[in-house]
PDB file of N, CA and C in Angstrom:
ATOM      1  N   UNK A   1     -45.081  -5.029 -16.555  1.00  0.00           N
ATOM      2  CA  UNK A   1     -44.597  -4.616 -15.245  1.00  0.00           C
ATOM      3  C   UNK A   1     -44.460  -5.852 -14.384  1.00  0.00           C
ATOM      4  N   UNK A   2     -43.328  -5.994 -13.746  1.00  0.00           N
ATOM      5  CA  UNK A   2     -43.078  -7.166 -12.898  1.00  0.00           C
ATOM      6  C   UNK A   2     -43.733  -6.990 -11.540  1.00  0.00           C
ATOM      7  N   UNK A   3     -44.354  -8.048 -11.080  1.00  0.00           N
ATOM      8  CA  UNK A   3     -44.887  -8.025  -9.720  1.00  0.00           C
ATOM      9  C   UNK A   3     -43.832  -8.624  -8.807  1.00  0.00           C
ATOM     10  N   UNK A   4     -44.080  -8.538  -7.498  1.00  0.00           N
ATOM     11  CA  UNK A   4     -43.095  -9.072  -6.561  1.00  0.00           C
ATOM     12  C   UNK A   4     -42.931 -10.574  -6.741  1.00  0.00           C
ATOM     13  N   UNK A   5     -43.940 -11.261  -7.306  1.00  0.00           N
ATOM     14  CA  UNK A   5     -43.825 -12.700  -7.557  1.00  0.00           C
ATOM     15  C   UNK A   5     -42.907 -12.993  -8.737  1.00  0.00           C
ATOM     16  N   UNK A   6     -42.775 -12.034  -9.651  1.00  0.00           N
ATOM     17  CA  UNK A   6     -41.979 -12.232 -10.861  1.00  0.00           C
ATOM     18  C   UNK A   6     -40.534 -11.766 -10.708  1.00  0.00           C
ATOM     19  N   UNK A   7     -40.187 -11.173  -9.583  1.00  0.00           N
ATOM     20  CA  UNK A   7     -38.838 -10.639  -9.384  1.00  0.00           C
ATOM     21  C   UNK A   7     -37.885 -11.788  -9.092  1.00  0.00           C
ATOM     22  N   UNK A   8     -36.821 -11.878  -9.874  1.00  0.00           N
ATOM     23  CA  UNK A   8     -35.796 -12.892  -9.643  1.00  0.00           C
ATOM     24  C   UNK A   8     -34.761 -12.303  -8.689  1.00  0.00           C
ATOM     25  N   UNK A   9     -35.070 -12.384  -7.400  1.00  0.00           N
ATOM     26  CA  UNK A   9     -34.212 -11.761  -6.384  1.00  0.00           C
ATOM     27  C   UNK A   9     -32.826 -12.391  -6.367  1.00  0.00           C
ATOM     28  N   UNK A  10     -32.732 -13.656  -6.736  1.00  0.00           N
ATOM     29  CA  UNK A  10     -31.418 -14.316  -6.778  1.00  0.00           C
ATOM     30  C   UNK A  10     -30.546 -13.658  -7.843  1.00  0.00           C
ATOM     31  N   UNK A  11     -31.146 -13.345  -8.994  1.00  0.00           N
ATOM     32  CA  UNK A  11     -30.378 -12.682 -10.062  1.00  0.00           C
ATOM     33  C   UNK A  11     -29.989 -11.270  -9.650  1.00  0.00           C
ATOM     34  N   UNK A  12     -30.914 -10.557  -9.038  1.00  0.00           N
ATOM     35  CA  UNK A  12     -30.621  -9.193  -8.576  1.00  0.00           C
ATOM     36  C   UNK A  12     -29.483  -9.224  -7.556  1.00  0.00           C
ATOM     37  N   UNK A  13     -29.547 -10.170  -6.616  1.00  0.00           N
ATOM     38  CA  UNK A  13     -28.500 -10.290  -5.604  1.00  0.00           C
ATOM     39  C   UNK A  13     -27.173 -10.661  -6.253  1.00  0.00           C
ATOM     40  N   UNK A  14     -27.212 -11.532  -7.252  1.00  0.00           N
ATOM     41  CA  UNK A  14     -25.987 -11.927  -7.944  1.00  0.00           C
ATOM     42  C   UNK A  14     -25.366 -10.738  -8.670  1.00  0.00           C
ATOM     43  N   UNK A  15     -26.193  -9.945  -9.346  1.00  0.00           N
ATOM     44  CA  UNK A  15     -25.687  -8.767 -10.055  1.00  0.00           C
ATOM     45  C   UNK A  15     -25.074  -7.755  -9.097  1.00  0.00           C
ATOM     46  N   UNK A  16     -25.656  -7.664  -7.893  1.00  0.00           N
ATOM     47  CA  UNK A  16     -25.150  -6.732  -6.884  1.00  0.00           C
ATOM     48  C   UNK A  16     -24.054  -7.360  -6.032  1.00  0.00           C
ATOM     49  N   UNK A  17     -23.739  -8.617  -6.340  1.00  0.00           N
ATOM     50  CA  UNK A  17     -22.719  -9.363  -5.585  1.00  0.00           C
ATOM     51  C   UNK A  17     -23.043  -9.401  -4.095  1.00  0.00           C
ATOM     52  N   UNK A  18     -24.298  -9.757  -3.806  1.00  0.00           N
ATOM     53  CA  UNK A  18     -24.759  -9.855  -2.425  1.00  0.00           C
ATOM     54  C   UNK A  18     -25.099 -11.298  -2.107  1.00  0.00           C
ATOM     55  N   UNK A  19     -24.706 -11.726  -0.934  1.00  0.00           N
ATOM     56  CA  UNK A  19     -25.106 -13.040  -0.433  1.00  0.00           C
ATOM     57  C   UNK A  19     -26.256 -12.789   0.537  1.00  0.00           C
ATOM     58  N   UNK A  20     -27.461 -13.213   0.157  1.00  0.00           N
ATOM     59  CA  UNK A  20     -28.636 -12.941   0.967  1.00  0.00           C
ATOM     60  C   UNK A  20     -29.154 -14.217   1.618  1.00  0.00           C
ATOM     61  N   UNK A  21     -29.599 -14.060   2.856  1.00  0.00           N
ATOM     62  CA  UNK A  21     -30.258 -15.177   3.533  1.00  0.00           C
ATOM     63  C   UNK A  21     -31.678 -15.308   2.986  1.00  0.00           C
ATOM     64  N   UNK A  22     -32.353 -16.394   3.325  1.00  0.00           N
ATOM     65  CA  UNK A  22     -33.729 -16.602   2.861  1.00  0.00           C
ATOM     66  C   UNK A  22     -34.639 -15.494   3.369  1.00  0.00           C
ATOM     67  N   UNK A  23     -34.417 -15.050   4.618  1.00  0.00           N
ATOM     68  CA  UNK A  23     -35.243 -13.977   5.188  1.00  0.00           C
ATOM     69  C   UNK A  23     -35.009 -12.669   4.433  1.00  0.00           C
ATOM     70  N   UNK A  24     -33.749 -12.398   4.125  1.00  0.00           N
ATOM     71  CA  UNK A  24     -33.442 -11.167   3.390  1.00  0.00           C
ATOM     72  C   UNK A  24     -34.048 -11.208   1.989  1.00  0.00           C
ATOM     73  N   UNK A  25     -33.970 -12.367   1.346  1.00  0.00           N
ATOM     74  CA  UNK A  25     -34.562 -12.497   0.000  1.00  0.00           C
ATOM     75  C   UNK A  25     -36.056 -12.203   0.039  1.00  0.00           C
ATOM     76  N   UNK A  26     -36.741 -12.737   1.028  1.00  0.00           N
ATOM     77  CA  UNK A  26     -38.176 -12.509   1.147  1.00  0.00           C
ATOM     78  C   UNK A  26     -38.467 -11.040   1.415  1.00  0.00           C
ATOM     79  N   UNK A  27     -37.687 -10.436   2.310  1.00  0.00           N
ATOM     80  CA  UNK A  27     -37.887  -9.023   2.658  1.00  0.00           C
ATOM     81  C   UNK A  27     -37.628  -8.119   1.455  1.00  0.00           C
ATOM     82  N   UNK A  28     -36.515  -8.356   0.751  1.00  0.00           N
ATOM     83  CA  UNK A  28     -36.169  -7.496  -0.378  1.00  0.00           C
ATOM     84  C   UNK A  28     -37.116  -7.698  -1.557  1.00  0.00           C
ATOM     85  N   UNK A  29     -37.607  -8.928  -1.738  1.00  0.00           N
ATOM     86  CA  UNK A  29     -38.584  -9.170  -2.790  1.00  0.00           C
ATOM     87  C   UNK A  29     -39.832  -8.338  -2.535  1.00  0.00           C
ATOM     88  N   UNK A  30     -40.282  -8.306  -1.290  1.00  0.00           N
ATOM     89  CA  UNK A  30     -41.460  -7.505  -0.929  1.00  0.00           C
ATOM     90  C   UNK A  30     -41.175  -6.017  -1.130  1.00  0.00           C
ATOM     91  N   UNK A  31     -40.010  -5.561  -0.692  1.00  0.00           N
ATOM     92  CA  UNK A  31     -39.679  -4.139  -0.823  1.00  0.00           C
ATOM     93  C   UNK A  31     -39.599  -3.720  -2.287  1.00  0.00           C
ATOM     94  N   UNK A  32     -38.980  -4.537  -3.129  1.00  0.00           N
ATOM     95  CA  UNK A  32     -38.891  -4.210  -4.553  1.00  0.00           C
ATOM     96  C   UNK A  32     -40.285  -4.218  -5.172  1.00  0.00           C
ATOM     97  N   UNK A  33     -41.111  -5.170  -4.760  1.00  0.00           N
ATOM     98  CA  UNK A  33     -42.501  -5.202  -5.239  1.00  0.00           C
ATOM     99  C   UNK A  33     -43.253  -3.946  -4.852  1.00  0.00           C
ATOM    100  N   UNK A  34     -43.044  -3.473  -3.618  1.00  0.00           N
ATOM    101  CA  UNK A  34     -43.688  -2.226  -3.174  1.00  0.00           C
ATOM    102  C   UNK A  34     -43.228  -1.036  -4.008  1.00  0.00           C
ATOM    103  N   UNK A  35     -41.941  -0.995  -4.319  1.00  0.00           N
ATOM    104  CA  UNK A  35     -41.394   0.103  -5.133  1.00  0.00           C
ATOM    105  C   UNK A  35     -42.016   0.065  -6.530  1.00  0.00           C
ATOM    106  N   UNK A  36     -42.080  -1.129  -7.126  1.00  0.00           N
ATOM    107  CA  UNK A  36     -42.664  -1.252  -8.462  1.00  0.00           C
ATOM    108  C   UNK A  36     -44.147  -0.877  -8.450  1.00  0.00           C
ATOM    109  N   UNK A  37     -44.847  -1.215  -7.387  1.00  0.00           N
ATOM    110  CA  UNK A  37     -46.260  -0.835  -7.252  1.00  0.00           C
ATOM    111  C   UNK A  37     -46.393   0.689  -7.190  1.00  0.00           C
ATOM    112  N   UNK A  38     -45.509   1.328  -6.446  1.00  0.00           N
ATOM    113  CA  UNK A  38     -45.536   2.791  -6.342  1.00  0.00           C
ATOM    114  C   UNK A  38     -45.257   3.430  -7.706  1.00  0.00           C
ATOM    115  N   UNK A  39     -44.322   2.864  -8.447  1.00  0.00           N
ATOM    116  CA  UNK A  39     -44.015   3.387  -9.785  1.00  0.00           C
ATOM    117  C   UNK A  39     -45.240   3.263 -10.689  1.00  0.00           C
ATOM    118  N   UNK A  40     -45.953   2.159 -10.577  1.00  0.00           N
ATOM    119  CA  UNK A  40     -47.179   1.997 -11.354  1.00  0.00           C
ATOM    120  C   UNK A  40     -48.185   3.095 -11.023  1.00  0.00           C
ATOM    121  N   UNK A  41     -48.302   3.436  -9.739  1.00  0.00           N
ATOM    122  CA  UNK A  41     -49.214   4.511  -9.341  1.00  0.00           C
ATOM    123  C   UNK A  41     -48.762   5.844  -9.941  1.00  0.00           C
ATOM    124  N   UNK A  42     -47.457   6.097  -9.958  1.00  0.00           N
ATOM    125  CA  UNK A  42     -46.939   7.345 -10.522  1.00  0.00           C
ATOM    126  C   UNK A  42     -47.205   7.430 -12.022  1.00  0.00           C
ATOM    127  N   UNK A  43     -47.193   6.290 -12.706  1.00  0.00           N
ATOM    128  CA  UNK A  43     -47.453   6.286 -14.146  1.00  0.00           C
ATOM    129  C   UNK A  43     -48.870   6.734 -14.472  1.00  0.00           C
ATOM    130  N   UNK A  44     -49.786   6.644 -13.515  1.00  0.00           N
ATOM    131  CA  UNK A  44     -51.182   7.011 -13.752  1.00  0.00           C
ATOM    132  C   UNK A  44     -51.427   8.517 -13.617  1.00  0.00           C
ATOM    133  N   UNK A  45     -50.455   9.259 -13.122  1.00  0.00           N
ATOM    134  CA  UNK A  45     -50.617  10.702 -12.942  1.00  0.00           C
ATOM    135  C   UNK A  45     -50.517  11.386 -14.303  1.00  0.00           C
ATOM    136  N   UNK A  46     -51.445  12.296 -14.571  1.00  0.00           N
ATOM    137  CA  UNK A  46     -51.444  13.040 -15.831  1.00  0.00           C
ATOM    138  C   UNK A  46     -50.436  14.183 -15.736  1.00  0.00           C
ATOM    139  N   UNK A  47     -49.372  14.072 -16.494  1.00  0.00           N
ATOM    140  CA  UNK A  47     -48.345  15.114 -16.502  1.00  0.00           C
ATOM    141  C   UNK A  47     -48.243  15.772 -17.881  1.00  0.00           C
ATOM    142  N   UNK A  48     -49.288  15.637 -18.672  1.00  0.00           N
ATOM    143  CA  UNK A  48     -49.256  16.174 -20.034  1.00  0.00           C
ATOM    144  C   UNK A  48     -49.101  17.695 -20.060  1.00  0.00           C
ATOM    145  N   UNK A  49     -49.548  18.384 -19.023  1.00  0.00           N
ATOM    146  CA  UNK A  49     -49.443  19.845 -18.993  1.00  0.00           C
ATOM    147  C   UNK A  49     -48.182  20.323 -18.281  1.00  0.00           C
ATOM    148  N   UNK A  50     -47.353  19.407 -17.868  1.00  0.00           N
ATOM    149  CA  UNK A  50     -46.137  19.778 -17.150  1.00  0.00           C
ATOM    150  C   UNK A  50     -44.982  19.819 -18.134  1.00  0.00           C
ATOM    151  N   UNK A  51     -44.303  20.961 -18.169  1.00  0.00           N
ATOM    152  CA  UNK A  51     -43.175  21.109 -19.077  1.00  0.00           C
ATOM    153  C   UNK A  51     -41.980  20.329 -18.539  1.00  0.00           C
ATOM    154  N   UNK A  52     -41.295  19.565 -19.398  1.00  0.00           N
ATOM    155  CA  UNK A  52     -40.122  18.814 -18.931  1.00  0.00           C
ATOM    156  C   UNK A  52     -39.041  19.767 -18.429  1.00  0.00           C
ATOM    157  N   UNK A  53     -38.420  19.402 -17.348  1.00  0.00           N
ATOM    158  CA  UNK A  53     -37.346  20.215 -16.786  1.00  0.00           C
ATOM    159  C   UNK A  53     -36.201  19.321 -16.351  1.00  0.00           C
ATOM    160  N   UNK A  54     -35.032  19.902 -16.274  1.00  0.00           N
ATOM    161  CA  UNK A  54     -33.868  19.174 -15.773  1.00  0.00           C
ATOM    162  C   UNK A  54     -33.692  19.428 -14.283  1.00  0.00           C
ATOM    163  N   UNK A  55     -34.240  20.532 -13.789  1.00  0.00           N
ATOM    164  CA  UNK A  55     -34.109  20.897 -12.385  1.00  0.00           C
ATOM    165  C   UNK A  55     -35.456  21.387 -11.860  1.00  0.00           C
ATOM    166  N   UNK A  56     -35.649  21.245 -10.574  1.00  0.00           N
ATOM    167  CA  UNK A  56     -36.904  21.684  -9.966  1.00  0.00           C
ATOM    168  C   UNK A  56     -37.042  23.201  -9.992  1.00  0.00           C
ATOM    169  N   UNK A  57     -35.928  23.898  -9.934  1.00  0.00           N
ATOM    170  CA  UNK A  57     -35.934  25.361  -9.958  1.00  0.00           C
ATOM    171  C   UNK A  57     -35.039  25.831 -11.093  1.00  0.00           C
ATOM    172  N   UNK A  58     -35.351  26.960 -11.687  1.00  0.00           N
ATOM    173  CA  UNK A  58     -34.487  27.457 -12.760  1.00  0.00           C
ATOM    174  C   UNK A  58     -33.092  27.770 -12.222  1.00  0.00           C
ATOM    175  N   UNK A  59     -32.100  27.413 -13.014  1.00  0.00           N
ATOM    176  CA  UNK A  59     -30.724  27.684 -12.610  1.00  0.00           C
ATOM    177  C   UNK A  59     -30.178  28.857 -13.406  1.00  0.00           C
ATOM    178  N   UNK A  60     -29.478  29.710 -12.723  1.00  0.00           N
ATOM    179  CA  UNK A  60     -28.820  30.836 -13.359  1.00  0.00           C
ATOM    180  C   UNK A  60     -27.372  30.840 -12.902  1.00  0.00           C
ATOM    181  N   UNK A  61     -26.480  31.142 -13.827  1.00  0.00           N
ATOM    182  CA  UNK A  61     -25.081  31.268 -13.426  1.00  0.00           C
ATOM    183  C   UNK A  61     -24.935  32.519 -12.575  1.00  0.00           C
ATOM    184  N   UNK A  62     -24.401  32.326 -11.412  1.00  0.00           N
ATOM    185  CA  UNK A  62     -24.179  33.446 -10.513  1.00  0.00           C
ATOM    186  C   UNK A  62     -22.676  33.665 -10.460  1.00  0.00           C
ATOM    187  N   UNK A  63     -22.246  34.692 -11.146  1.00  0.00           N
ATOM    188  CA  UNK A  63     -20.824  34.989 -11.214  1.00  0.00           C
ATOM    189  C   UNK A  63     -20.561  36.297 -10.481  1.00  0.00           C
ATOM    190  N   UNK A  64     -19.453  36.324  -9.810  1.00  0.00           N
ATOM    191  CA  UNK A  64     -19.052  37.597  -9.219  1.00  0.00           C
ATOM    192  C   UNK A  64     -18.413  38.437 -10.315  1.00  0.00           C
ATOM    193  N   UNK A  65     -18.362  39.695 -10.077  1.00  0.00           N
ATOM    194  CA  UNK A  65     -17.715  40.577 -11.046  1.00  0.00           C
ATOM    195  C   UNK A  65     -16.245  40.198 -11.164  1.00  0.00           C
ATOM    196  N   UNK A  66     -15.734  40.233 -12.375  1.00  0.00           N
ATOM    197  CA  UNK A  66     -14.344  39.894 -12.631  1.00  0.00           C
ATOM    198  C   UNK A  66     -13.494  41.135 -12.380  1.00  0.00           C
ATOM    199  N   UNK A  67     -13.216  41.356 -11.100  1.00  0.00           N
ATOM    200  CA  UNK A  67     -12.463  42.532 -10.688  1.00  0.00           C
ATOM    201  C   UNK A  67     -11.140  42.067 -10.099  1.00  0.00           C
ATOM    202  N   UNK A  68     -10.031  42.624 -10.561  1.00  0.00           N
ATOM    203  CA  UNK A  68      -8.743  42.221  -9.984  1.00  0.00           C
ATOM    204  C   UNK A  68      -8.715  42.515  -8.488  1.00  0.00           C
ATOM    205  N   UNK A  69      -8.161  41.574  -7.738  1.00  0.00           N
ATOM    206  CA  UNK A  69      -8.022  41.761  -6.296  1.00  0.00           C
ATOM    207  C   UNK A  69      -6.721  41.122  -5.854  1.00  0.00           C
ATOM    208  N   UNK A  70      -6.238  41.508  -4.708  1.00  0.00           N
ATOM    209  CA  UNK A  70      -4.973  40.951  -4.243  1.00  0.00           C
ATOM    210  C   UNK A  70      -5.088  39.435  -4.048  1.00  0.00           C
ATOM    211  N   UNK A  71      -4.035  38.716  -4.433  1.00  0.00           N
ATOM    212  CA  UNK A  71      -4.034  37.272  -4.261  1.00  0.00           C
ATOM    213  C   UNK A  71      -3.040  36.902  -3.167  1.00  0.00           C
ATOM    214  N   UNK A  72      -2.812  35.609  -3.013  1.00  0.00           N
ATOM    215  CA  UNK A  72      -1.876  35.141  -1.986  1.00  0.00           C
ATOM    216  C   UNK A  72      -0.452  35.592  -2.306  1.00  0.00           C
ATOM    217  N   UNK A  73       0.287  35.859  -1.278  1.00  0.00           N
ATOM    218  CA  UNK A  73       1.707  36.121  -1.484  1.00  0.00           C
ATOM    219  C   UNK A  73       2.398  34.794  -1.786  1.00  0.00           C
ATOM    220  N   UNK A  74       3.579  34.845  -2.347  1.00  0.00           N
ATOM    221  CA  UNK A  74       4.325  33.624  -2.650  1.00  0.00           C
ATOM    222  C   UNK A  74       4.539  32.825  -1.368  1.00  0.00           C
ATOM    223  N   UNK A  75       4.896  33.491  -0.292  1.00  0.00           N
ATOM    224  CA  UNK A  75       5.146  32.802   0.978  1.00  0.00           C
ATOM    225  C   UNK A  75       3.885  32.103   1.485  1.00  0.00           C
ATOM    226  N   UNK A  76       2.737  32.768   1.379  1.00  0.00           N
ATOM    227  CA  UNK A  76       1.488  32.165   1.839  1.00  0.00           C
ATOM    228  C   UNK A  76       1.093  30.979   0.959  1.00  0.00           C
ATOM    229  N   UNK A  77       1.309  31.100  -0.342  1.00  0.00           N
ATOM    230  CA  UNK A  77       0.961  30.017  -1.254  1.00  0.00           C
ATOM    231  C   UNK A  77       1.840  28.790  -1.039  1.00  0.00           C
ATOM    232  N   UNK A  78       3.091  29.003  -0.649  1.00  0.00           N
ATOM    233  CA  UNK A  78       4.040  27.899  -0.485  1.00  0.00           C
ATOM    234  C   UNK A  78       4.140  27.375   0.942  1.00  0.00           C
ATOM    235  N   UNK A  79       3.425  27.961   1.879  1.00  0.00           N
ATOM    236  CA  UNK A  79       3.627  27.600   3.281  1.00  0.00           C
ATOM    237  C   UNK A  79       3.301  26.141   3.590  1.00  0.00           C
ATOM    238  N   UNK A  80       2.385  25.514   2.870  1.00  0.00           N
ATOM    239  CA  UNK A  80       2.044  24.110   3.120  1.00  0.00           C
ATOM    240  C   UNK A  80       2.610  23.160   2.074  1.00  0.00           C
ATOM    241  N   UNK A  81       3.414  23.658   1.165  1.00  0.00           N
ATOM    242  CA  UNK A  81       3.997  22.795   0.137  1.00  0.00           C
ATOM    243  C   UNK A  81       5.017  21.863   0.784  1.00  0.00           C
ATOM    244  N   UNK A  82       4.972  20.574   0.473  1.00  0.00           N
ATOM    245  CA  UNK A  82       5.931  19.644   1.079  1.00  0.00           C
ATOM    246  C   UNK A  82       7.364  19.922   0.642  1.00  0.00           C
ATOM    247  N   UNK A  83       7.545  20.436  -0.571  1.00  0.00           N
ATOM    248  CA  UNK A  83       8.879  20.797  -1.050  1.00  0.00           C
ATOM    249  C   UNK A  83       8.743  21.976  -1.996  1.00  0.00           C
ATOM    250  N   UNK A  84       9.743  22.857  -1.981  1.00  0.00           N
ATOM    251  CA  UNK A  84       9.709  24.020  -2.859  1.00  0.00           C
ATOM    252  C   UNK A  84      11.106  24.361  -3.340  1.00  0.00           C
ATOM    253  N   UNK A  85      11.158  25.004  -4.529  1.00  0.00           N
ATOM    254  CA  UNK A  85      12.432  25.397  -5.108  1.00  0.00           C
ATOM    255  C   UNK A  85      12.184  26.607  -5.995  1.00  0.00           C
ATOM    256  N   UNK A  86      12.970  27.638  -5.833  1.00  0.00           N
ATOM    257  CA  UNK A  86      12.863  28.864  -6.629  1.00  0.00           C
ATOM    258  C   UNK A  86      11.449  29.439  -6.611  1.00  0.00           C
ATOM    259  N   UNK A  87      10.842  29.523  -5.446  1.00  0.00           N
ATOM    260  CA  UNK A  87       9.496  30.067  -5.265  1.00  0.00           C
ATOM    261  C   UNK A  87       8.426  29.272  -6.022  1.00  0.00           C
ATOM    262  N   UNK A  88       8.634  27.953  -6.181  1.00  0.00           N
ATOM    263  CA  UNK A  88       7.666  27.082  -6.842  1.00  0.00           C
ATOM    264  C   UNK A  88       7.522  25.799  -6.017  1.00  0.00           C
ATOM    265  N   UNK A  89       6.392  25.129  -6.158  1.00  0.00           N
ATOM    266  CA  UNK A  89       6.212  23.842  -5.516  1.00  0.00           C
ATOM    267  C   UNK A  89       6.993  22.812  -6.295  1.00  0.00           C
ATOM    268  N   UNK A  90       7.779  22.022  -5.609  1.00  0.00           N
ATOM    269  CA  UNK A  90       8.603  21.000  -6.250  1.00  0.00           C
ATOM    270  C   UNK A  90       7.919  19.646  -6.091  1.00  0.00           C
ATOM    271  N   UNK A  91       7.775  18.939  -7.225  1.00  0.00           N
ATOM    272  CA  UNK A  91       7.131  17.632  -7.206  1.00  0.00           C
ATOM    273  C   UNK A  91       8.075  16.603  -7.825  1.00  0.00           C
ATOM    274  N   UNK A  92       7.893  15.331  -7.486  1.00  0.00           N
ATOM    275  CA  UNK A  92       8.758  14.301  -8.070  1.00  0.00           C
ATOM    276  C   UNK A  92       8.545  14.184  -9.575  1.00  0.00           C
ATOM    277  N   UNK A  93       9.584  13.826 -10.290  1.00  0.00           N
ATOM    278  CA  UNK A  93       9.500  13.628 -11.737  1.00  0.00           C
ATOM    279  C   UNK A  93       8.687  12.365 -12.007  1.00  0.00           C
ATOM    280  N   UNK A  94       7.683  12.454 -12.885  1.00  0.00           N
ATOM    281  CA  UNK A  94       6.846  11.307 -13.182  1.00  0.00           C
ATOM    282  C   UNK A  94       6.964  10.848 -14.640  1.00  0.00           C
ATOM    283  N   UNK A  95       7.602  11.627 -15.487  1.00  0.00           N
ATOM    284  CA  UNK A  95       7.752  11.271 -16.887  1.00  0.00           C
ATOM    285  C   UNK A  95       9.227  11.282 -17.227  1.00  0.00           C
ATOM    286  N   UNK A  96       9.676  10.245 -17.890  1.00  0.00           N
ATOM    287  CA  UNK A  96      11.099  10.170 -18.304  1.00  0.00           C
ATOM    288  C   UNK A  96      11.321  10.944 -19.567  1.00  0.00           C
TER     289      UNK A  96
END
């Protein structure tokens, strides 16, 4: 585990394409060190009895009933189309 003394902040800044001042380098080195220290504390928690999950709460698909219902009229569907032809939206040709 890297301590804040072992963090190569210049490399991290280079990878992130950041130009950091000396003050920023010192501040970010300390902050990254604090984060790594917190992660070390989390590693000490016994989670052996906790079942792995992908989400904090169970997810269920919530589907509405598939019942036919009235849809938009052609006029309503085309009202914001920039161009239309024969009751269809007209778009520029993109393939030869």
